């Protein structure tokens, strides 16, 4: 016959468990400040989003703002510019994307794109007389032309101008990021 006898916990067992638990709490309390310091500070979090008053931007006008260290083009498109962008067959585009996919529903006149050429990172021109043959933006470095929807139409750039996350807080204020 086998005799199974389990020993009662002793005071020494309790001390081992209590010492281990205290050591774990101490190690966690020492490690916490080092882990917490890796979070972004308040100034970096403030740059994560940008609120812009768009009430003064007239139809056909382009305004450039800086977000996360990059230029962002905000364009109040005219009905003619919207119509021209929507008439383009997707087969003619290097990076096929509809105009509707690049703007928010119900706010078709507002096009907001990151103003960095997708070829080599230059900043395309979009002022009056500098918009290229598609009336959008023109990158003079290597000749990339974008249309009124920020889509690449001609030149070496492989992709459309990126569209950041955008939220309209009101009819006058837009939040980028």
N, C-alpha and C. Protein backbone atom coordinates (compact mmCIF):
# COMPACT_ATOMS: atom_id res chain seq x y z
N UNK A 1 0.81 -1.16 0.00
CA UNK A 1 0.00 0.00 0.00
C UNK A 1 0.87 1.23 0.00
N UNK A 2 0.42 2.14 -0.79
CA UNK A 2 1.13 3.41 -0.88
C UNK A 2 0.57 4.37 0.14
N UNK A 3 1.45 5.04 0.78
CA UNK A 3 1.06 6.01 1.77
C UNK A 3 1.26 7.40 1.19
N UNK A 4 0.17 8.12 0.95
CA UNK A 4 0.27 9.48 0.39
C UNK A 4 0.12 10.47 1.52
N UNK A 5 1.16 11.20 1.71
CA UNK A 5 1.14 12.16 2.79
C UNK A 5 1.61 13.50 2.23
N UNK A 6 0.77 14.53 2.35
CA UNK A 6 1.15 15.86 1.90
C UNK A 6 1.46 16.70 3.11
N UNK A 7 2.56 17.41 3.00
CA UNK A 7 2.99 18.23 4.13
C UNK A 7 2.16 19.50 4.19
N UNK A 8 1.90 19.92 5.38
CA UNK A 8 1.19 21.18 5.58
C UNK A 8 2.12 22.32 5.20
N UNK A 9 1.54 23.43 4.64
CA UNK A 9 2.40 24.58 4.32
C UNK A 9 3.03 25.13 5.60
N UNK A 10 4.28 25.47 5.45
CA UNK A 10 5.00 26.00 6.61
C UNK A 10 5.15 27.50 6.48
N UNK A 11 5.69 28.07 7.55
CA UNK A 11 5.92 29.50 7.53
C UNK A 11 6.95 29.86 6.46
N UNK A 12 7.90 28.99 6.21
CA UNK A 12 8.93 29.21 5.20
C UNK A 12 8.30 29.29 3.82
N UNK A 13 7.31 28.45 3.52
CA UNK A 13 6.61 28.51 2.22
C UNK A 13 5.92 29.86 2.05
N UNK A 14 5.29 30.33 3.11
CA UNK A 14 4.62 31.62 3.04
C UNK A 14 5.64 32.73 2.77
N UNK A 15 6.79 32.69 3.42
CA UNK A 15 7.81 33.72 3.22
C UNK A 15 8.35 33.70 1.78
N UNK A 16 8.52 32.52 1.21
CA UNK A 16 8.97 32.42 -0.20
C UNK A 16 7.96 33.09 -1.13
N UNK A 17 6.70 32.81 -0.95
CA UNK A 17 5.65 33.37 -1.81
C UNK A 17 5.56 34.88 -1.61
N UNK A 18 5.59 35.34 -0.38
CA UNK A 18 5.50 36.78 -0.09
C UNK A 18 6.71 37.53 -0.65
N UNK A 19 7.89 36.96 -0.52
CA UNK A 19 9.11 37.60 -1.04
C UNK A 19 9.06 37.67 -2.57
N UNK A 20 8.62 36.60 -3.21
CA UNK A 20 8.51 36.61 -4.68
C UNK A 20 7.51 37.64 -5.17
N UNK A 21 6.36 37.74 -4.47
CA UNK A 21 5.34 38.72 -4.87
C UNK A 21 5.86 40.14 -4.69
N UNK A 22 6.55 40.42 -3.59
CA UNK A 22 7.10 41.75 -3.34
C UNK A 22 8.16 42.08 -4.39
N UNK A 23 8.98 41.11 -4.78
CA UNK A 23 9.99 41.33 -5.81
C UNK A 23 9.36 41.64 -7.17
N UNK A 24 8.27 40.95 -7.50
CA UNK A 24 7.59 41.19 -8.77
C UNK A 24 6.98 42.59 -8.81
N UNK A 25 6.36 43.00 -7.70
CA UNK A 25 5.78 44.35 -7.63
C UNK A 25 6.89 45.39 -7.72
N UNK A 26 7.99 45.16 -7.04
CA UNK A 26 9.12 46.10 -7.09
C UNK A 26 9.71 46.21 -8.49
N UNK A 27 9.87 45.10 -9.18
CA UNK A 27 10.41 45.12 -10.54
C UNK A 27 9.47 45.86 -11.49
N UNK A 28 8.17 45.62 -11.34
CA UNK A 28 7.19 46.31 -12.19
C UNK A 28 7.20 47.81 -11.93
N UNK A 29 7.32 48.20 -10.65
CA UNK A 29 7.32 49.64 -10.34
C UNK A 29 8.60 50.32 -10.83
N UNK A 30 9.70 49.60 -10.91
CA UNK A 30 10.93 50.16 -11.46
C UNK A 30 10.86 50.24 -12.99
N UNK A 31 10.25 49.26 -13.63
CA UNK A 31 10.19 49.22 -15.10
C UNK A 31 9.17 50.20 -15.67
N UNK A 32 8.12 50.52 -14.91
CA UNK A 32 7.04 51.37 -15.43
C UNK A 32 7.52 52.72 -15.97
N UNK A 33 8.35 53.49 -15.27
CA UNK A 33 8.79 54.78 -15.82
C UNK A 33 9.57 54.64 -17.13
N UNK A 34 10.35 53.58 -17.25
CA UNK A 34 11.11 53.39 -18.48
C UNK A 34 10.20 53.05 -19.66
N UNK A 35 9.17 52.31 -19.41
CA UNK A 35 8.20 51.99 -20.47
C UNK A 35 7.36 53.22 -20.80
N UNK A 36 6.93 53.95 -19.78
CA UNK A 36 6.08 55.12 -20.00
C UNK A 36 6.81 56.23 -20.76
N UNK A 37 8.11 56.35 -20.61
CA UNK A 37 8.84 57.40 -21.30
C UNK A 37 8.92 57.17 -22.81
N UNK A 38 8.55 56.00 -23.28
CA UNK A 38 8.55 55.72 -24.72
C UNK A 38 7.29 56.23 -25.42
N UNK A 39 6.28 56.62 -24.67
CA UNK A 39 5.06 57.19 -25.27
C UNK A 39 5.37 58.57 -25.82
N UNK A 40 4.66 59.00 -26.88
CA UNK A 40 4.90 60.34 -27.42
C UNK A 40 4.48 61.41 -26.41
N UNK A 41 5.20 62.53 -26.44
CA UNK A 41 4.85 63.61 -25.52
C UNK A 41 3.69 64.44 -26.07
N UNK A 42 3.25 65.41 -25.31
CA UNK A 42 2.07 66.20 -25.68
C UNK A 42 2.28 66.97 -26.97
N UNK A 43 3.50 67.46 -27.22
CA UNK A 43 3.73 68.21 -28.46
C UNK A 43 3.63 67.31 -29.69
N UNK A 44 4.07 66.08 -29.57
CA UNK A 44 3.95 65.15 -30.70
C UNK A 44 2.50 64.76 -30.93
N UNK A 45 1.75 64.57 -29.85
CA UNK A 45 0.34 64.24 -30.00
C UNK A 45 -0.44 65.41 -30.60
N UNK A 46 -0.03 66.63 -30.29
CA UNK A 46 -0.71 67.80 -30.85
C UNK A 46 -0.49 67.88 -32.36
N UNK A 47 0.65 67.41 -32.85
CA UNK A 47 0.93 67.43 -34.28
C UNK A 47 0.21 66.31 -35.02
N UNK A 48 -0.34 65.36 -34.31
CA UNK A 48 -0.98 64.23 -34.95
C UNK A 48 -2.23 64.64 -35.71
N UNK A 49 -2.88 65.70 -35.28
CA UNK A 49 -4.05 66.19 -36.00
C UNK A 49 -3.98 67.71 -36.11
N UNK A 50 -4.69 68.22 -37.09
CA UNK A 50 -4.69 69.65 -37.36
C UNK A 50 -6.09 70.08 -37.73
N UNK A 51 -6.57 71.14 -37.09
CA UNK A 51 -7.87 71.70 -37.44
C UNK A 51 -7.65 72.95 -38.28
N UNK A 52 -8.36 73.02 -39.42
CA UNK A 52 -8.18 74.13 -40.35
C UNK A 52 -9.54 74.78 -40.62
N UNK A 53 -9.57 76.10 -40.55
CA UNK A 53 -10.76 76.86 -40.92
C UNK A 53 -10.74 77.03 -42.44
N UNK A 54 -11.71 76.43 -43.12
CA UNK A 54 -11.74 76.47 -44.59
C UNK A 54 -12.77 77.47 -45.12
N UNK A 55 -13.35 78.26 -44.23
CA UNK A 55 -14.43 79.17 -44.65
C UNK A 55 -13.94 80.27 -45.60
N UNK A 56 -12.67 80.63 -45.55
CA UNK A 56 -12.15 81.70 -46.40
C UNK A 56 -11.62 81.20 -47.75
N UNK A 57 -11.61 79.90 -47.97
CA UNK A 57 -11.08 79.35 -49.23
C UNK A 57 -12.18 79.42 -50.28
N UNK A 58 -11.93 80.18 -51.31
CA UNK A 58 -12.92 80.39 -52.37
C UNK A 58 -12.87 79.25 -53.39
N UNK A 59 -13.96 79.01 -54.12
CA UNK A 59 -13.95 77.97 -55.16
C UNK A 59 -12.83 78.21 -56.17
N UNK A 60 -12.10 77.15 -56.46
CA UNK A 60 -10.96 77.22 -57.37
C UNK A 60 -9.65 77.54 -56.69
N UNK A 61 -9.67 77.84 -55.41
CA UNK A 61 -8.48 78.22 -54.67
C UNK A 61 -7.86 77.01 -53.98
N UNK A 62 -6.53 77.01 -53.88
CA UNK A 62 -5.78 75.97 -53.20
C UNK A 62 -5.00 76.62 -52.06
N UNK A 63 -5.10 76.03 -50.88
CA UNK A 63 -4.35 76.51 -49.71
C UNK A 63 -3.45 75.37 -49.25
N UNK A 64 -2.24 75.71 -48.84
CA UNK A 64 -1.30 74.72 -48.34
C UNK A 64 -1.11 74.93 -46.84
N UNK A 65 -1.27 73.85 -46.07
CA UNK A 65 -1.01 73.87 -44.64
C UNK A 65 0.04 72.80 -44.35
N UNK A 66 0.66 72.89 -43.18
CA UNK A 66 1.68 71.91 -42.80
C UNK A 66 1.11 70.99 -41.74
N UNK A 67 1.21 69.68 -41.99
CA UNK A 67 0.73 68.66 -41.07
C UNK A 67 1.77 67.55 -41.00
N UNK A 68 2.23 67.24 -39.81
CA UNK A 68 3.26 66.22 -39.58
C UNK A 68 4.52 66.50 -40.41
N UNK A 69 4.82 67.77 -40.59
CA UNK A 69 6.02 68.15 -41.33
C UNK A 69 5.89 68.06 -42.84
N UNK A 70 4.70 67.80 -43.34
CA UNK A 70 4.48 67.68 -44.79
C UNK A 70 3.44 68.70 -45.23
N UNK A 71 3.55 69.16 -46.48
CA UNK A 71 2.51 70.06 -46.98
C UNK A 71 1.24 69.29 -47.30
N UNK A 72 0.11 69.89 -46.99
CA UNK A 72 -1.20 69.32 -47.32
C UNK A 72 -1.94 70.37 -48.13
N UNK A 73 -2.42 69.95 -49.32
CA UNK A 73 -3.15 70.85 -50.19
C UNK A 73 -4.64 70.72 -49.91
N UNK A 74 -5.28 71.85 -49.64
CA UNK A 74 -6.73 71.90 -49.46
C UNK A 74 -7.28 72.69 -50.63
N UNK A 75 -8.09 72.04 -51.43
CA UNK A 75 -8.61 72.67 -52.65
C UNK A 75 -10.13 72.71 -52.62
N UNK A 76 -10.67 73.90 -52.82
CA UNK A 76 -12.12 74.07 -52.95
C UNK A 76 -12.41 74.03 -54.45
N UNK A 77 -12.83 72.87 -54.91
CA UNK A 77 -12.99 72.66 -56.35
C UNK A 77 -14.28 73.28 -56.87
N UNK A 78 -14.20 73.77 -58.09
CA UNK A 78 -15.37 74.31 -58.77
C UNK A 78 -16.18 73.16 -59.35
N UNK A 79 -17.45 73.38 -59.68
CA UNK A 79 -18.24 72.31 -60.32
C UNK A 79 -17.60 71.80 -61.61
N UNK A 80 -16.94 72.67 -62.35
CA UNK A 80 -16.26 72.26 -63.59
C UNK A 80 -15.09 71.32 -63.30
N UNK A 81 -14.34 71.61 -62.23
CA UNK A 81 -13.22 70.75 -61.85
C UNK A 81 -13.70 69.38 -61.39
N UNK A 82 -14.80 69.36 -60.66
CA UNK A 82 -15.37 68.09 -60.20
C UNK A 82 -15.84 67.27 -61.39
N UNK A 83 -16.54 67.91 -62.32
CA UNK A 83 -17.04 67.23 -63.50
C UNK A 83 -15.90 66.67 -64.34
N UNK A 84 -14.84 67.47 -64.52
CA UNK A 84 -13.68 67.01 -65.29
C UNK A 84 -13.03 65.80 -64.64
N UNK A 85 -12.94 65.80 -63.32
CA UNK A 85 -12.32 64.68 -62.60
C UNK A 85 -13.17 63.41 -62.72
N UNK A 86 -14.47 63.56 -62.74
CA UNK A 86 -15.36 62.39 -62.78
C UNK A 86 -15.50 61.81 -64.17
N UNK A 87 -15.19 62.59 -65.20
CA UNK A 87 -15.32 62.11 -66.58
C UNK A 87 -14.14 61.26 -67.03
N UNK A 88 -13.05 61.25 -66.26
CA UNK A 88 -11.85 60.52 -66.66
C UNK A 88 -12.10 59.03 -66.57
N UNK A 89 -11.92 58.29 -67.69
CA UNK A 89 -12.05 56.82 -67.62
C UNK A 89 -10.93 56.22 -66.76
N UNK A 90 -11.28 55.27 -65.91
CA UNK A 90 -10.29 54.66 -65.03
C UNK A 90 -9.17 53.98 -65.80
N UNK A 91 -9.44 53.54 -67.02
CA UNK A 91 -8.41 52.88 -67.83
C UNK A 91 -7.28 53.81 -68.22
N UNK A 92 -7.50 55.13 -68.16
CA UNK A 92 -6.46 56.10 -68.52
C UNK A 92 -5.53 56.40 -67.34
N UNK A 93 -5.83 55.90 -66.17
CA UNK A 93 -5.07 56.25 -64.97
C UNK A 93 -4.04 55.19 -64.62
N UNK A 94 -2.84 55.65 -64.21
CA UNK A 94 -1.79 54.73 -63.74
C UNK A 94 -2.20 54.05 -62.44
N UNK A 95 -2.79 54.83 -61.56
CA UNK A 95 -3.24 54.35 -60.25
C UNK A 95 -4.75 54.56 -60.20
N UNK A 96 -5.53 53.62 -60.78
CA UNK A 96 -6.98 53.84 -60.93
C UNK A 96 -7.70 54.03 -59.60
N UNK A 97 -8.35 55.17 -59.49
CA UNK A 97 -9.15 55.48 -58.32
C UNK A 97 -10.19 56.51 -58.73
N UNK A 98 -11.44 56.27 -58.36
CA UNK A 98 -12.50 57.20 -58.74
C UNK A 98 -12.37 58.49 -57.93
N UNK A 99 -12.92 59.55 -58.48
CA UNK A 99 -12.92 60.83 -57.77
C UNK A 99 -13.73 60.72 -56.48
N UNK A 100 -14.81 59.97 -56.52
CA UNK A 100 -15.67 59.81 -55.34
C UNK A 100 -14.93 59.15 -54.19
N UNK A 101 -13.95 58.29 -54.49
CA UNK A 101 -13.19 57.60 -53.45
C UNK A 101 -12.17 58.53 -52.78
N UNK A 102 -11.89 59.68 -53.38
CA UNK A 102 -10.87 60.58 -52.88
C UNK A 102 -11.44 61.77 -52.10
N UNK A 103 -12.77 61.89 -52.06
CA UNK A 103 -13.41 62.99 -51.33
C UNK A 103 -14.47 62.41 -50.41
N UNK A 104 -14.93 63.20 -49.45
CA UNK A 104 -15.99 62.72 -48.57
C UNK A 104 -17.34 62.95 -49.23
N UNK A 105 -18.21 62.00 -49.04
CA UNK A 105 -19.56 62.09 -49.62
C UNK A 105 -20.28 63.33 -49.09
N UNK A 106 -20.87 64.06 -50.02
CA UNK A 106 -21.58 65.28 -49.65
C UNK A 106 -20.68 66.51 -49.58
N UNK A 107 -19.38 66.31 -49.67
CA UNK A 107 -18.42 67.42 -49.64
C UNK A 107 -17.48 67.27 -50.83
N UNK A 108 -18.07 67.06 -51.99
CA UNK A 108 -17.31 66.78 -53.20
C UNK A 108 -16.38 67.91 -53.62
N UNK A 109 -16.72 69.13 -53.21
CA UNK A 109 -15.90 70.26 -53.63
C UNK A 109 -14.57 70.33 -52.87
N UNK A 110 -14.46 69.67 -51.73
CA UNK A 110 -13.23 69.73 -50.94
C UNK A 110 -12.33 68.54 -51.23
N UNK A 111 -11.17 68.82 -51.81
CA UNK A 111 -10.16 67.79 -52.03
C UNK A 111 -8.99 68.12 -51.11
N UNK A 112 -8.62 67.17 -50.28
CA UNK A 112 -7.51 67.36 -49.34
C UNK A 112 -6.52 66.22 -49.57
N UNK A 113 -5.30 66.57 -49.99
CA UNK A 113 -4.27 65.58 -50.29
C UNK A 113 -2.94 66.00 -49.68
N UNK A 114 -2.10 65.01 -49.40
CA UNK A 114 -0.74 65.29 -48.94
C UNK A 114 0.05 65.73 -50.16
N UNK A 115 0.68 66.89 -50.07
CA UNK A 115 1.36 67.49 -51.22
C UNK A 115 2.78 67.04 -51.41
N UNK A 116 2.99 65.74 -51.51
CA UNK A 116 4.32 65.20 -51.75
C UNK A 116 4.25 64.28 -52.96
N UNK A 117 5.04 64.59 -53.99
CA UNK A 117 5.04 63.79 -55.22
C UNK A 117 5.44 62.36 -54.89
N UNK A 118 4.73 61.42 -55.46
CA UNK A 118 4.98 60.01 -55.16
C UNK A 118 6.15 59.44 -55.95
N UNK A 119 6.83 60.26 -56.73
CA UNK A 119 8.01 59.80 -57.46
C UNK A 119 9.24 59.89 -56.57
N UNK A 120 9.64 61.10 -56.22
CA UNK A 120 10.84 61.27 -55.40
C UNK A 120 10.64 62.18 -54.20
N UNK A 121 9.41 62.50 -53.87
CA UNK A 121 9.15 63.27 -52.67
C UNK A 121 9.23 64.78 -52.82
N UNK A 122 9.18 65.29 -54.04
CA UNK A 122 9.19 66.74 -54.26
C UNK A 122 7.81 67.30 -53.89
N UNK A 123 7.70 68.62 -53.87
CA UNK A 123 6.41 69.27 -53.60
C UNK A 123 5.89 69.82 -54.93
N UNK A 124 4.81 69.26 -55.45
CA UNK A 124 4.25 69.74 -56.72
C UNK A 124 3.72 71.17 -56.60
N UNK A 125 3.70 71.87 -57.73
CA UNK A 125 3.18 73.23 -57.79
C UNK A 125 1.70 73.17 -58.15
N UNK A 126 0.93 74.07 -57.57
CA UNK A 126 -0.50 74.08 -57.87
C UNK A 126 -1.08 75.47 -57.97
N UNK A 127 -0.22 76.47 -58.02
CA UNK A 127 -0.71 77.84 -58.13
C UNK A 127 -1.25 78.12 -59.52
N UNK A 128 -1.89 79.27 -59.66
CA UNK A 128 -2.43 79.67 -60.96
C UNK A 128 -1.28 79.76 -61.96
N UNK A 129 -1.46 79.11 -63.12
CA UNK A 129 -0.42 79.09 -64.14
C UNK A 129 0.63 78.01 -63.93
N UNK A 130 0.53 77.26 -62.83
CA UNK A 130 1.52 76.21 -62.53
C UNK A 130 0.86 74.85 -62.37
N UNK A 131 -0.35 74.69 -62.82
CA UNK A 131 -1.10 73.48 -62.52
C UNK A 131 -0.92 72.36 -63.54
N UNK A 132 -0.14 72.55 -64.55
CA UNK A 132 0.08 71.49 -65.54
C UNK A 132 -1.09 71.35 -66.49
N UNK A 133 -0.99 70.37 -67.36
CA UNK A 133 -2.00 70.23 -68.43
C UNK A 133 -3.32 69.65 -67.95
N UNK A 134 -3.38 69.13 -66.72
CA UNK A 134 -4.64 68.57 -66.21
C UNK A 134 -5.27 69.45 -65.14
N UNK A 135 -4.76 70.68 -65.01
CA UNK A 135 -5.31 71.70 -64.10
C UNK A 135 -5.27 71.30 -62.63
N UNK A 136 -4.38 70.38 -62.28
CA UNK A 136 -4.25 69.94 -60.89
C UNK A 136 -2.96 70.45 -60.29
N UNK A 137 -1.95 69.59 -60.25
CA UNK A 137 -0.64 69.95 -59.74
C UNK A 137 0.41 69.45 -60.72
N UNK A 138 1.55 70.14 -60.74
CA UNK A 138 2.64 69.79 -61.64
C UNK A 138 3.93 69.75 -60.83
N UNK A 139 4.66 68.65 -60.94
CA UNK A 139 5.95 68.52 -60.26
C UNK A 139 7.03 68.83 -61.28
N UNK A 140 7.70 69.98 -61.17
CA UNK A 140 8.67 70.37 -62.19
C UNK A 140 9.97 69.56 -62.17
N UNK A 141 10.23 68.84 -61.11
CA UNK A 141 11.48 68.08 -61.02
C UNK A 141 11.60 67.03 -62.12
N UNK A 142 10.54 66.27 -62.33
CA UNK A 142 10.59 65.20 -63.33
C UNK A 142 9.37 65.17 -64.23
N UNK A 143 8.48 66.17 -64.11
CA UNK A 143 7.37 66.31 -65.05
C UNK A 143 6.11 65.53 -64.73
N UNK A 144 5.89 65.15 -63.49
CA UNK A 144 4.66 64.45 -63.14
C UNK A 144 3.50 65.44 -63.09
N UNK A 145 2.37 65.07 -63.71
CA UNK A 145 1.18 65.91 -63.70
C UNK A 145 0.04 65.19 -63.01
N UNK A 146 -0.66 65.91 -62.14
CA UNK A 146 -1.80 65.39 -61.40
C UNK A 146 -3.05 66.15 -61.82
N UNK A 147 -4.19 65.49 -61.77
CA UNK A 147 -5.43 66.15 -62.18
C UNK A 147 -6.12 66.83 -60.99
N UNK A 148 -7.34 67.30 -61.19
CA UNK A 148 -8.07 68.04 -60.15
C UNK A 148 -8.53 67.14 -59.01
N UNK A 149 -8.24 65.86 -59.10
CA UNK A 149 -8.54 64.93 -58.01
C UNK A 149 -7.25 64.42 -57.36
N UNK A 150 -6.10 64.97 -57.77
CA UNK A 150 -4.81 64.55 -57.22
C UNK A 150 -4.34 63.21 -57.74
N UNK A 151 -4.88 62.77 -58.87
CA UNK A 151 -4.48 61.48 -59.45
C UNK A 151 -3.39 61.69 -60.48
N UNK A 152 -2.41 60.79 -60.50
CA UNK A 152 -1.31 60.90 -61.46
C UNK A 152 -1.84 60.64 -62.86
N UNK A 153 -1.51 61.54 -63.77
CA UNK A 153 -1.97 61.42 -65.15
C UNK A 153 -0.82 61.27 -66.13
N UNK A 154 0.34 61.85 -65.79
CA UNK A 154 1.46 61.84 -66.73
C UNK A 154 2.75 61.98 -65.94
N UNK A 155 3.80 61.32 -66.40
CA UNK A 155 5.10 61.45 -65.76
C UNK A 155 5.50 60.19 -65.00
N UNK A 156 6.63 60.23 -64.32
CA UNK A 156 7.17 59.03 -63.68
C UNK A 156 6.54 58.67 -62.33
N UNK A 157 5.76 59.53 -61.73
CA UNK A 157 5.17 59.21 -60.42
C UNK A 157 4.27 57.98 -60.55
N UNK A 158 4.42 56.99 -59.66
CA UNK A 158 3.64 55.76 -59.79
C UNK A 158 2.25 55.81 -59.15
N UNK A 159 2.05 56.70 -58.17
CA UNK A 159 0.80 56.69 -57.41
C UNK A 159 0.17 58.07 -57.34
N UNK A 160 -1.11 58.09 -56.98
CA UNK A 160 -1.83 59.34 -56.75
C UNK A 160 -1.30 60.03 -55.50
N UNK A 161 -1.57 61.34 -55.39
CA UNK A 161 -1.24 62.04 -54.15
C UNK A 161 -2.07 61.41 -53.03
N UNK A 162 -1.46 61.08 -51.88
CA UNK A 162 -2.19 60.41 -50.82
C UNK A 162 -3.25 61.30 -50.18
N UNK A 163 -4.35 60.68 -49.79
CA UNK A 163 -5.44 61.37 -49.11
C UNK A 163 -5.33 61.04 -47.62
N UNK A 164 -5.13 62.05 -46.75
CA UNK A 164 -5.06 61.77 -45.32
C UNK A 164 -6.45 61.53 -44.75
N UNK A 165 -6.51 61.06 -43.52
CA UNK A 165 -7.82 60.92 -42.88
C UNK A 165 -8.34 62.32 -42.58
N UNK A 166 -9.60 62.55 -42.95
CA UNK A 166 -10.20 63.87 -42.86
C UNK A 166 -11.56 63.75 -42.20
N UNK A 167 -11.88 64.71 -41.34
CA UNK A 167 -13.18 64.75 -40.69
C UNK A 167 -13.65 66.20 -40.65
N UNK A 168 -14.84 66.44 -41.18
CA UNK A 168 -15.40 67.79 -41.13
C UNK A 168 -16.10 67.96 -39.79
N UNK A 169 -15.58 68.88 -38.96
CA UNK A 169 -16.17 69.15 -37.66
C UNK A 169 -17.39 70.06 -37.80
N UNK A 170 -17.38 70.88 -38.85
CA UNK A 170 -18.51 71.75 -39.17
C UNK A 170 -18.36 72.13 -40.64
N UNK A 171 -19.22 73.03 -41.12
CA UNK A 171 -19.08 73.49 -42.50
C UNK A 171 -17.84 74.35 -42.69
N UNK A 172 -17.28 74.85 -41.61
CA UNK A 172 -16.14 75.76 -41.69
C UNK A 172 -14.82 75.16 -41.23
N UNK A 173 -14.85 74.07 -40.48
CA UNK A 173 -13.64 73.53 -39.88
C UNK A 173 -13.45 72.06 -40.27
N UNK A 174 -12.24 71.74 -40.73
CA UNK A 174 -11.90 70.38 -41.08
C UNK A 174 -10.74 69.92 -40.21
N UNK A 175 -10.80 68.65 -39.79
CA UNK A 175 -9.74 68.08 -38.96
C UNK A 175 -8.98 67.08 -39.82
N UNK A 176 -7.68 67.30 -39.93
CA UNK A 176 -6.81 66.41 -40.70
C UNK A 176 -6.04 65.56 -39.72
N UNK A 177 -6.07 64.26 -39.93
CA UNK A 177 -5.35 63.34 -39.04
C UNK A 177 -6.20 62.70 -38.00
